[in-house]
Amino acid sequence: MNQIVLSDRAAADLAQIDRLEQLQIVGEFSRLRRETLRIGRDGIGEIHKGHRTLYRSRFKEYRIYFEKKDDQLLVHHLLHSNTLRDFFVRSNLDVQNDDQFEESAKFWKFLEQRAPKVRTDEPP
């Protein structure tokens, strides 16, 4: 069995969530601990940051980012989906705070690709 270890950041993220959801998320940690990590199944994904492999588990509207080290699951981030921090982690952006995102070319490319197409010609 794997031991669950929360980073300081993940513990702070968890503390921001109401108690009932905290208990549900801790239950999800227990499920991850018992099960084999099956990439692409059960909402578990895999991302690479440098030489490390992080796993992402989806639980309700949260994303749990963790890595497997020996007999431990080290939880690095517990993020609400569709936030800038979640985007940074998924995009392998090394951004420590929200002010740094404007310096990332990947962030601007992401926004430009999703910008609505504006029609420049006028209808007849």
Protein backbone atom coordinates (compact mmCIF):
# COMPACT_ATOMS: atom_id res chain seq x y z
CA MET A 1 0.00 0.00 0.00
CA ASN A 2 1.11 3.51 -0.77
CA GLN A 3 1.38 6.25 1.81
CA ILE A 4 -0.24 9.59 0.90
CA VAL A 5 1.97 12.63 1.52
CA LEU A 6 0.69 16.17 0.95
CA SER A 7 3.12 18.91 -0.02
CA ASP A 8 2.76 22.20 1.85
CA ARG A 9 1.08 23.63 -1.25
CA ALA A 10 -1.43 20.77 -1.50
CA ALA A 11 -2.20 21.02 2.22
CA ALA A 12 -2.86 24.75 1.81
CA ASP A 13 -5.08 24.03 -1.22
CA LEU A 14 -7.03 21.45 0.78
CA ALA A 15 -7.48 23.86 3.70
CA GLN A 16 -9.28 26.31 1.37
CA ILE A 17 -12.06 23.80 0.65
CA ASP A 18 -15.11 23.26 2.87
CA ARG A 19 -15.00 20.32 5.31
CA LEU A 20 -17.40 17.99 3.55
CA GLU A 21 -15.51 18.28 0.26
CA GLN A 22 -12.23 17.82 2.13
CA LEU A 23 -13.47 14.48 3.45
CA GLN A 24 -14.56 13.40 -0.03
CA ILE A 25 -11.18 14.37 -1.49
CA VAL A 26 -9.33 12.47 1.24
CA GLY A 27 -11.50 9.48 0.31
CA GLU A 28 -10.33 9.91 -3.28
CA PHE A 29 -6.71 9.88 -2.06
CA SER A 30 -7.46 6.55 -0.38
CA ARG A 31 -8.88 5.15 -3.62
CA LEU A 32 -5.73 6.22 -5.47
CA ARG A 33 -3.62 4.57 -2.81
CA ARG A 34 -5.38 1.23 -3.17
CA GLU A 35 -5.63 1.09 -6.94
CA THR A 36 -3.04 0.57 -9.59
CA LEU A 37 -2.51 3.76 -11.56
CA ARG A 38 -4.15 3.11 -14.91
CA ILE A 39 -3.36 5.94 -17.26
CA GLY A 40 -6.31 6.94 -19.42
CA ARG A 41 -8.78 5.12 -17.19
CA ASP A 42 -10.69 6.26 -14.15
CA GLY A 43 -9.82 9.89 -14.90
CA ILE A 44 -6.08 9.43 -14.42
CA GLY A 45 -3.75 11.26 -16.78
CA GLU A 46 0.00 11.65 -17.02
CA ILE A 47 2.07 14.75 -17.65
CA HIS A 48 5.81 15.24 -17.77
CA LYS A 49 7.60 18.15 -16.13
CA GLY A 50 11.31 17.97 -16.82
CA HIS A 51 12.54 14.58 -15.65
CA ARG A 52 9.51 13.98 -13.44
CA THR A 53 6.24 12.28 -14.24
CA LEU A 54 3.17 13.72 -12.56
CA TYR A 55 -0.18 11.99 -12.53
CA ARG A 56 -3.47 13.85 -12.64
CA SER A 57 -6.64 12.47 -11.16
CA ARG A 58 -9.98 14.14 -11.75
CA PHE A 59 -12.39 14.20 -8.85
CA LYS A 60 -15.57 16.22 -9.28
CA GLU A 61 -14.41 19.72 -10.20
CA TYR A 62 -10.93 19.21 -8.73
CA ARG A 63 -7.65 18.06 -10.22
CA ILE A 64 -5.18 16.22 -8.01
CA TYR A 65 -1.57 16.31 -9.24
CA PHE A 66 0.76 13.78 -7.64
CA GLU A 67 3.82 11.68 -8.29
CA LYS A 68 4.66 8.17 -7.24
CA LYS A 69 7.88 7.82 -5.26
CA ASP A 70 8.73 4.37 -3.98
CA ASP A 71 5.81 3.48 -1.70
CA GLN A 72 4.44 7.04 -1.50
CA LEU A 73 2.01 9.12 -3.49
CA LEU A 74 3.26 12.68 -3.11
CA VAL A 75 0.42 15.13 -3.77
CA HIS A 76 1.82 18.38 -5.18
CA HIS A 77 -1.33 20.27 -6.14
CA LEU A 78 -5.04 20.10 -5.47
CA LEU A 79 -6.61 22.55 -7.89
CA HIS A 80 -10.07 23.54 -8.92
CA SER A 81 -10.50 22.83 -12.63
CA ASN A 82 -10.53 25.70 -15.11
CA THR A 83 -8.25 27.92 -13.05
CA LEU A 84 -5.03 29.53 -14.21
CA ARG A 85 -3.00 27.42 -11.79
CA ASP A 86 -4.56 24.26 -13.22
CA PHE A 87 -3.72 25.51 -16.72
CA PHE A 88 -0.10 26.15 -15.68
CA VAL A 89 0.34 22.63 -14.35
CA ARG A 90 -1.35 20.97 -17.35
CA SER A 91 0.74 23.05 -19.77
CA ASN A 92 4.06 22.33 -18.06
CA LEU A 93 4.54 26.02 -17.32
CA ASP A 94 6.93 26.71 -14.49
CA VAL A 95 4.91 29.54 -12.99
CA GLN A 96 5.07 30.16 -9.27
CA ASN A 97 2.50 32.96 -9.13
CA ASP A 98 -0.21 34.38 -11.36
CA ASP A 99 1.85 37.44 -12.35
CA GLN A 100 4.36 35.29 -14.23
CA PHE A 101 1.87 33.92 -16.74
CA GLU A 102 2.04 37.03 -18.92
CA GLU A 103 5.70 36.27 -19.65
CA SER A 104 4.92 32.82 -21.03
CA ALA A 105 4.63 32.48 -24.80
CA LYS A 106 2.70 29.21 -24.28
CA PHE A 107 0.01 31.05 -22.34
CA TRP A 108 -0.53 33.65 -25.08
CA LYS A 109 -0.51 30.98 -27.80
CA PHE A 110 -3.16 29.07 -25.81
CA LEU A 111 -5.35 32.18 -25.64
CA GLU A 112 -4.88 33.03 -29.32
CA GLN A 113 -5.88 29.53 -30.40
CA ARG A 114 -9.12 29.82 -28.46
CA ALA A 115 -9.97 33.39 -29.46
CA PRO A 116 -13.24 33.74 -31.34
CA LYS A 117 -12.82 34.27 -35.06
CA VAL A 118 -13.82 37.80 -36.01
CA ARG A 119 -15.29 38.32 -39.43
CA THR A 120 -13.57 41.22 -41.15
CA ASP A 121 -15.59 41.51 -44.35
CA GLU A 122 -18.99 43.16 -44.25
CA PRO A 123 -22.04 41.33 -45.53
CA PRO A 124 -23.42 42.60 -48.89
